[in-house]
Amino acid sequence: MKAVNRQYSDSPEVNFDSMPEMAPYLQQPDAMYVGCPGKHGYLNLGFVLDKSGKSILRELDRRAPLIVQQELYFDEELPEMPCVYILSSGGPNVDGDRYAQNFRVGAGAMAFISTGAATKLAEMKRNYSGMMQNIVLEENAYLEYLPEPIIPCRHTRFICNTTMTVHPSATVFYSEIYMGGRKYYGNGELFEYDILSVCTRGKRPDGSDLFREKFIIDPHRSHIRDIGIIHGYDVFANVIVMTPEESAKQIYEATEPFIDRERRLAAGITHLPGGAGLLFKVLGMEPGPVKALVREFCSRVRMAVKGKPVPPEFPWR
């Protein structure tokens, strides 16, 4: 692993003040100002093949509070795949936090990225927390990104923009799991956050656009419990798989959408435009069953692309 000590040109200033949905939340925090040291973290991870053909974490550049330690090789089905966990030394996201995360997987390389624990978005009074992510996969690269759930507390304001630039021969499994809030905190605070704004774009290396998905959840302006939104569920997962069309067809045919009223789980799948891949969504009541369905779907993707399943999750995760 090569540690570098420089700021990347592709780690831009994280500023969402021009987004209309964030207009009510532009006041400076009472304490530490927006993006001050400790509140403006960035992370650059670069995975490549070494001379022996092993995937390694070649490049690591980070700024507090984001932390990534040395890569591990614990996946029994893909022992040559480096696995890393993103940690934070600053606790939950608070108002004024700004983060940038850049992941690059080189030609023929593979990687697994997750977080050490759920990401808690603390109560915010003056501003918002924002994250910008840039994911690049070169020819025949493979990436699994399965972070732990995001928990928005009361009056959370959070915006995240992700751009994935993926070679037609590469595969990325990108997942997000959002809780409705701290369900068992006091009397519960489900859907008492102020706003979640999440946008994901897919592109090719030549710059051509494939798709753009954006959802803005404002529980105070829209009825989240309506049919067609979250209805009677408390947790939802959003999974994007960019993969070659042949693999996408195999995964799609092996995935059955369902509504299980007894277990209170539901899942659906559709094709992304432009032959980019698949969109998979899960609804549930608790994070455990939702995470299990996302992991099961990831295993199906890996089998189609690598011919190996995802091993069972560690009992303590």
Protein backbone atom coordinates (compact mmCIF):
# COMPACT_ATOMS: atom_id res chain seq x y z
CA MET A 1 0.00 0.00 0.00
CA LYS A 2 1.32 3.41 -0.92
CA ALA A 3 0.27 6.30 1.31
CA VAL A 4 0.22 9.68 -0.40
CA ASN A 5 0.04 13.10 1.15
CA ARG A 6 -1.60 15.37 -1.37
CA GLN A 7 -5.06 16.59 -2.23
CA TYR A 8 -6.49 15.14 -5.42
CA SER A 9 -7.78 17.33 -8.19
CA ASP A 10 -10.84 15.04 -8.28
CA SER A 11 -11.62 15.74 -4.61
CA PRO A 12 -13.70 18.89 -5.24
CA GLU A 13 -15.14 21.26 -2.73
CA VAL A 14 -18.30 19.62 -1.40
CA ASN A 15 -20.92 22.32 -1.73
CA PHE A 16 -24.62 21.70 -2.28
CA ASP A 17 -25.81 25.22 -1.40
CA SER A 18 -27.17 25.71 -4.94
CA MET A 19 -29.51 22.72 -4.63
CA PRO A 20 -33.05 24.11 -4.17
CA GLU A 21 -34.01 21.46 -1.62
CA MET A 22 -31.17 22.61 0.68
CA ALA A 23 -32.08 26.33 0.49
CA PRO A 24 -33.77 26.39 3.95
CA TYR A 25 -30.64 24.97 5.61
CA LEU A 26 -27.79 27.35 4.77
CA GLN A 27 -27.21 29.05 8.12
CA GLN A 28 -23.75 28.61 9.61
CA PRO A 29 -23.67 26.28 12.64
CA ASP A 30 -23.38 27.97 16.03
CA ALA A 31 -20.16 26.11 16.85
CA MET A 32 -17.64 24.87 14.24
CA TYR A 33 -18.16 26.46 10.83
CA VAL A 34 -18.99 24.56 7.66
CA GLY A 35 -16.11 22.44 6.39
CA CYS A 36 -13.65 23.44 9.12
CA PRO A 37 -10.86 20.98 10.08
CA GLY A 38 -12.42 17.79 11.38
CA LYS A 39 -15.64 18.50 9.47
CA HIS A 40 -14.33 18.34 5.89
CA GLY A 41 -13.09 14.79 5.35
CA TYR A 42 -12.06 13.15 2.13
CA LEU A 43 -10.97 9.66 1.19
CA ASN A 44 -9.25 8.39 -1.96
CA LEU A 45 -8.84 4.64 -2.45
CA GLY A 46 -7.10 3.10 -5.46
CA PHE A 47 -7.07 -0.66 -6.10
CA VAL A 48 -4.84 -2.25 -8.75
CA LEU A 49 -3.29 -5.57 -9.71
CA ASP A 50 0.30 -6.03 -8.54
CA LYS A 51 3.02 -7.83 -10.56
CA SER A 52 1.78 -11.22 -9.35
CA GLY A 53 -1.81 -10.47 -10.43
CA LYS A 54 -3.10 -9.92 -6.88
CA SER A 55 -5.55 -7.08 -6.18
CA ILE A 56 -4.09 -4.65 -3.66
CA LEU A 57 -4.88 -1.27 -2.13
CA ARG A 58 -2.15 0.70 -3.87
CA GLU A 59 -3.28 4.21 -3.06
CA LEU A 60 -4.72 5.65 0.14
CA ASP A 61 -5.20 9.33 0.83
CA ARG A 62 -7.47 10.51 3.64
CA ARG A 63 -8.33 13.47 5.80
CA ALA A 64 -9.89 13.25 9.26
CA PRO A 65 -12.39 12.26 10.39
CA LEU A 66 -12.46 9.53 7.70
CA ILE A 67 -10.21 6.55 8.39
CA VAL A 68 -9.30 3.42 6.40
CA GLN A 69 -6.80 0.93 7.73
CA GLN A 70 -4.83 -1.75 5.88
CA GLU A 71 -6.76 -4.01 3.54
CA LEU A 72 -7.72 -7.50 4.71
CA TYR A 73 -8.20 -10.73 2.77
CA PHE A 74 -10.91 -12.58 4.67
CA ASP A 75 -13.38 -13.48 1.91
CA GLU A 76 -13.21 -17.28 1.72
CA GLU A 77 -14.77 -17.39 -1.75
CA LEU A 78 -12.56 -14.66 -3.22
CA PRO A 79 -9.40 -14.79 -1.05
CA GLU A 80 -7.53 -12.60 -3.55
CA MET A 81 -10.00 -9.69 -3.06
CA PRO A 82 -8.92 -6.88 -0.69
CA CYS A 83 -11.57 -5.84 1.85
CA VAL A 84 -11.53 -2.44 3.55
CA TYR A 85 -13.75 -0.70 6.08
CA ILE A 86 -14.38 3.04 6.26
CA LEU A 87 -14.41 4.38 9.82
CA SER A 88 -14.95 7.82 11.30
CA SER A 89 -13.16 9.31 14.28
CA GLY A 90 -15.77 12.05 14.59
CA GLY A 91 -18.85 10.10 15.63
CA PRO A 92 -22.14 10.88 13.83
CA ASN A 93 -22.51 13.34 10.96
CA VAL A 94 -23.48 16.77 12.26
CA ASP A 95 -24.54 20.05 10.65
CA GLY A 96 -21.76 21.54 8.54
CA ASP A 97 -20.01 18.25 7.80
CA ARG A 98 -18.76 17.81 4.26
CA TYR A 99 -17.26 14.59 2.89
CA ALA A 100 -15.78 13.43 -0.43
CA GLN A 101 -15.06 9.78 -1.20
CA ASN A 102 -13.27 8.65 -4.36
CA PHE A 103 -12.86 4.96 -5.21
CA ARG A 104 -10.93 3.72 -8.26
CA VAL A 105 -10.58 0.06 -9.23
CA GLY A 106 -7.97 -0.53 -11.92
CA ALA A 107 -8.17 -2.86 -14.90
CA GLY A 108 -8.79 -6.46 -13.83
CA ALA A 109 -8.69 -5.61 -10.11
CA MET A 110 -11.39 -6.21 -7.52
CA ALA A 111 -12.33 -4.81 -4.11
CA PHE A 112 -14.89 -4.93 -1.30
CA ILE A 113 -15.70 -1.74 0.64
CA SER A 114 -17.97 -1.36 3.67
CA THR A 115 -18.28 0.70 6.85
CA GLY A 116 -17.37 -0.37 10.35
CA ALA A 117 -20.82 0.46 11.75
CA ALA A 118 -24.06 2.16 10.86
CA THR A 119 -23.75 5.82 9.88
CA LYS A 120 -25.76 7.98 12.25
CA LEU A 121 -26.91 11.40 11.09
CA ALA A 122 -27.30 13.49 14.24
CA GLU A 123 -29.95 16.11 14.91
CA MET A 124 -29.13 19.33 13.05
CA LYS A 125 -30.18 22.87 13.87
CA ARG A 126 -28.48 25.25 11.43
CA ASN A 127 -27.02 23.56 8.36
CA TYR A 128 -26.80 20.15 6.68
CA SER A 129 -24.39 17.27 6.12
CA GLY A 130 -23.25 16.58 2.56
CA MET A 131 -21.29 13.85 0.80
CA MET A 132 -19.94 13.57 -2.73
CA GLN A 133 -18.80 10.19 -4.07
CA ASN A 134 -16.91 9.40 -7.25
CA ILE A 135 -16.50 5.74 -8.22
CA VAL A 136 -14.42 4.70 -11.24
CA LEU A 137 -14.05 1.15 -12.58
CA GLU A 138 -11.67 0.37 -15.40
CA GLU A 139 -11.78 -2.57 -17.82
CA ASN A 140 -12.90 -5.87 -16.23
CA ALA A 141 -12.81 -4.34 -12.73
CA TYR A 142 -15.13 -5.56 -9.96
CA LEU A 143 -16.35 -3.69 -6.85
CA GLU A 144 -18.76 -4.57 -4.05
CA TYR A 145 -19.81 -1.57 -1.95
CA LEU A 146 -22.02 -2.67 0.95
CA PRO A 147 -21.99 -0.06 3.74
CA GLU A 148 -23.96 -0.53 6.94
CA PRO A 149 -27.35 1.28 7.21
CA ILE A 150 -27.75 5.05 7.50
CA ILE A 151 -29.80 6.22 10.51
CA PRO A 152 -31.27 9.74 10.22
CA CYS A 153 -32.19 11.19 13.62
CA ARG A 154 -34.81 13.84 14.26
CA HIS A 155 -34.24 17.01 12.14
CA THR A 156 -31.45 15.45 10.08
CA ARG A 157 -30.61 17.22 6.79
CA PHE A 158 -28.47 15.07 4.47
CA ILE A 159 -27.56 15.21 0.78
CA CYS A 160 -25.43 12.75 -1.17
CA ASN A 161 -24.40 12.80 -4.84
CA THR A 162 -22.67 9.74 -6.33
CA THR A 163 -21.20 9.41 -9.81
CA MET A 164 -20.15 5.99 -11.09
CA THR A 165 -17.98 5.89 -14.21
CA VAL A 166 -17.85 2.24 -15.25
CA HIS A 167 -16.22 0.49 -18.22
CA PRO A 168 -18.73 -1.67 -20.17
CA SER A 169 -16.82 -4.83 -19.14
CA ALA A 170 -16.70 -3.93 -15.41
CA THR A 171 -19.19 -4.61 -12.60
CA VAL A 172 -20.04 -2.48 -9.58
CA PHE A 173 -22.50 -3.49 -6.85
CA TYR A 174 -23.53 -0.28 -5.05
CA SER A 175 -25.96 -0.44 -2.12
CA GLU A 176 -27.56 1.99 0.32
CA ILE A 177 -29.81 1.10 3.25
CA TYR A 178 -31.82 3.86 4.94
CA MET A 179 -33.57 3.52 8.27
CA GLY A 180 -36.65 5.59 9.00
CA GLY A 181 -34.96 6.90 12.13
CA ARG A 182 -34.19 5.68 15.64
CA LYS A 183 -37.16 3.36 15.93
CA TYR A 184 -36.70 2.39 19.57
CA TYR A 185 -35.42 5.72 20.90
CA GLY A 186 -37.91 7.01 23.47
CA ASN A 187 -41.28 6.99 21.75
CA GLY A 188 -39.51 6.52 18.44
CA GLU A 189 -38.66 9.13 15.84
CA LEU A 190 -39.49 7.45 12.55
CA PHE A 191 -39.47 9.86 9.61
CA GLU A 192 -38.93 12.90 11.79
CA TYR A 193 -35.86 14.00 9.85
CA ASP A 194 -36.06 17.17 7.76
CA ILE A 195 -34.73 15.99 4.41
CA LEU A 196 -32.79 13.25 2.62
CA SER A 197 -31.63 14.06 -0.91
CA VAL A 198 -29.85 11.24 -2.76
CA CYS A 199 -28.70 11.34 -6.38
CA THR A 200 -26.80 8.64 -8.30
CA ARG A 201 -25.47 8.90 -11.86
CA GLY A 202 -24.01 6.27 -14.16
CA LYS A 203 -21.53 7.12 -16.93
CA ARG A 204 -19.10 5.49 -19.34
CA PRO A 205 -15.39 6.40 -19.49
CA ASP A 206 -15.99 8.41 -22.68
CA GLY A 207 -18.29 10.71 -20.69
CA SER A 208 -21.59 9.45 -22.08
CA ASP A 209 -24.46 9.46 -19.56
CA LEU A 210 -26.38 6.25 -18.88
CA PHE A 211 -28.85 7.08 -16.11
CA ARG A 212 -29.62 9.41 -13.24
CA GLU A 213 -31.75 8.52 -10.23
CA LYS A 214 -32.64 11.10 -7.60
CA PHE A 215 -35.02 10.91 -4.69
CA ILE A 216 -35.80 13.66 -2.20
CA ILE A 217 -37.59 12.64 0.97
CA ASP A 218 -39.16 15.48 2.97
CA PRO A 219 -41.46 13.88 5.55
CA HIS A 220 -42.90 17.25 6.58
CA ARG A 221 -44.15 18.01 3.06
CA SER A 222 -45.11 14.59 1.70
CA HIS A 223 -46.95 11.64 3.16
CA ILE A 224 -44.21 9.03 3.45
CA ARG A 225 -46.67 6.33 4.52
CA ASP A 226 -48.64 6.58 1.26
CA ILE A 227 -48.86 3.57 -1.03
CA GLY A 228 -46.16 3.91 -3.66
CA ILE A 229 -43.74 5.56 -1.23
CA ILE A 230 -42.77 3.73 2.00
CA HIS A 231 -46.32 2.71 3.00
CA GLY A 232 -46.17 0.52 6.13
CA TYR A 233 -42.42 -0.18 6.03
CA ASP A 234 -39.64 1.41 8.06
CA VAL A 235 -36.45 0.49 6.17
CA PHE A 236 -35.58 0.64 2.48
CA ALA A 237 -32.56 -0.44 0.46
CA ASN A 238 -31.51 0.94 -2.90
CA VAL A 239 -29.10 -1.20 -4.94
CA ILE A 240 -27.55 -0.29 -8.30
CA VAL A 241 -25.65 -2.90 -10.29
CA MET A 242 -23.75 -1.72 -13.35
CA THR A 243 -22.62 -4.81 -15.25
CA PRO A 244 -22.39 -6.15 -18.83
CA GLU A 245 -25.76 -6.91 -20.44
CA GLU A 246 -25.20 -10.67 -20.49
CA SER A 247 -24.61 -10.73 -16.73
CA ALA A 248 -27.55 -8.38 -16.13
CA LYS A 249 -29.87 -10.69 -18.04
CA GLN A 250 -28.75 -13.70 -16.00
CA ILE A 251 -29.17 -11.87 -12.68
CA TYR A 252 -32.57 -10.47 -13.66
CA GLU A 253 -33.94 -13.88 -14.64
CA ALA A 254 -32.73 -15.39 -11.34
CA THR A 255 -34.35 -12.66 -9.18
CA GLU A 256 -38.03 -12.90 -8.31
CA PRO A 257 -39.82 -9.75 -7.08
CA PHE A 258 -42.10 -10.44 -4.13
CA ILE A 259 -44.28 -9.05 -1.36
CA ASP A 260 -44.18 -11.17 1.78
CA ARG A 261 -46.89 -9.82 4.09
CA GLU A 262 -46.10 -12.32 6.82
CA ARG A 263 -42.43 -11.33 7.09
CA ARG A 264 -43.26 -7.74 6.08
CA LEU A 265 -40.63 -7.70 3.34
CA ALA A 266 -40.85 -6.69 -0.30
CA ALA A 267 -38.36 -6.53 -3.17
CA GLY A 268 -38.43 -5.47 -6.80
CA ILE A 269 -36.02 -5.34 -9.71
CA THR A 270 -35.84 -3.52 -13.04
CA HIS A 271 -33.37 -2.77 -15.82
CA LEU A 272 -31.39 0.46 -15.91
CA PRO A 273 -31.57 2.43 -19.19
CA GLY A 274 -28.88 2.20 -21.81
CA GLY A 275 -28.07 -1.42 -21.01
CA ALA A 276 -26.26 -0.17 -17.90
CA GLY A 277 -27.41 -2.90 -15.51
CA LEU A 278 -30.05 -3.35 -12.83
CA LEU A 279 -31.90 -1.48 -10.09
CA PHE A 280 -32.97 -3.54 -7.06
CA LYS A 281 -35.05 -2.22 -4.14
CA VAL A 282 -36.02 -3.76 -0.80
CA LEU A 283 -38.53 -2.68 1.85
CA GLY A 284 -38.70 -4.08 5.38
CA MET A 285 -39.34 -3.39 9.03
CA GLU A 286 -35.90 -4.09 10.53
CA PRO A 287 -32.37 -3.69 9.10
CA GLY A 288 -31.35 -7.33 9.61
CA PRO A 289 -33.73 -8.95 7.09
CA VAL A 290 -33.17 -6.11 4.61
CA LYS A 291 -29.39 -6.49 4.85
CA ALA A 292 -29.77 -10.25 4.36
CA LEU A 293 -31.76 -9.74 1.12
CA VAL A 294 -29.20 -7.23 -0.18
CA ARG A 295 -26.38 -9.65 0.59
CA GLU A 296 -28.27 -12.51 -1.06
CA PHE A 297 -28.71 -10.39 -4.17
CA CYS A 298 -25.01 -9.48 -4.07
CA SER A 299 -24.20 -13.20 -4.01
CA ARG A 300 -26.34 -13.68 -7.12
CA VAL A 301 -24.43 -10.88 -8.85
CA ARG A 302 -21.07 -12.32 -7.85
CA MET A 303 -22.05 -15.78 -9.09
CA ALA A 304 -22.97 -14.32 -12.48
CA VAL A 305 -19.76 -12.32 -12.77
CA LYS A 306 -17.14 -14.27 -10.81
CA GLY A 307 -18.69 -17.72 -10.46
CA LYS A 308 -18.37 -17.56 -6.66
CA PRO A 309 -21.03 -16.82 -3.98
CA VAL A 310 -20.79 -14.27 -1.19
CA PRO A 311 -19.86 -16.12 2.05
CA PRO A 312 -22.15 -15.94 5.12
CA GLU A 313 -22.01 -12.68 7.03
CA PHE A 314 -20.00 -12.57 10.23
CA PRO A 315 -22.32 -13.20 13.22
CA TRP A 316 -21.34 -9.92 14.88
CA ARG A 317 -22.15 -7.74 11.84
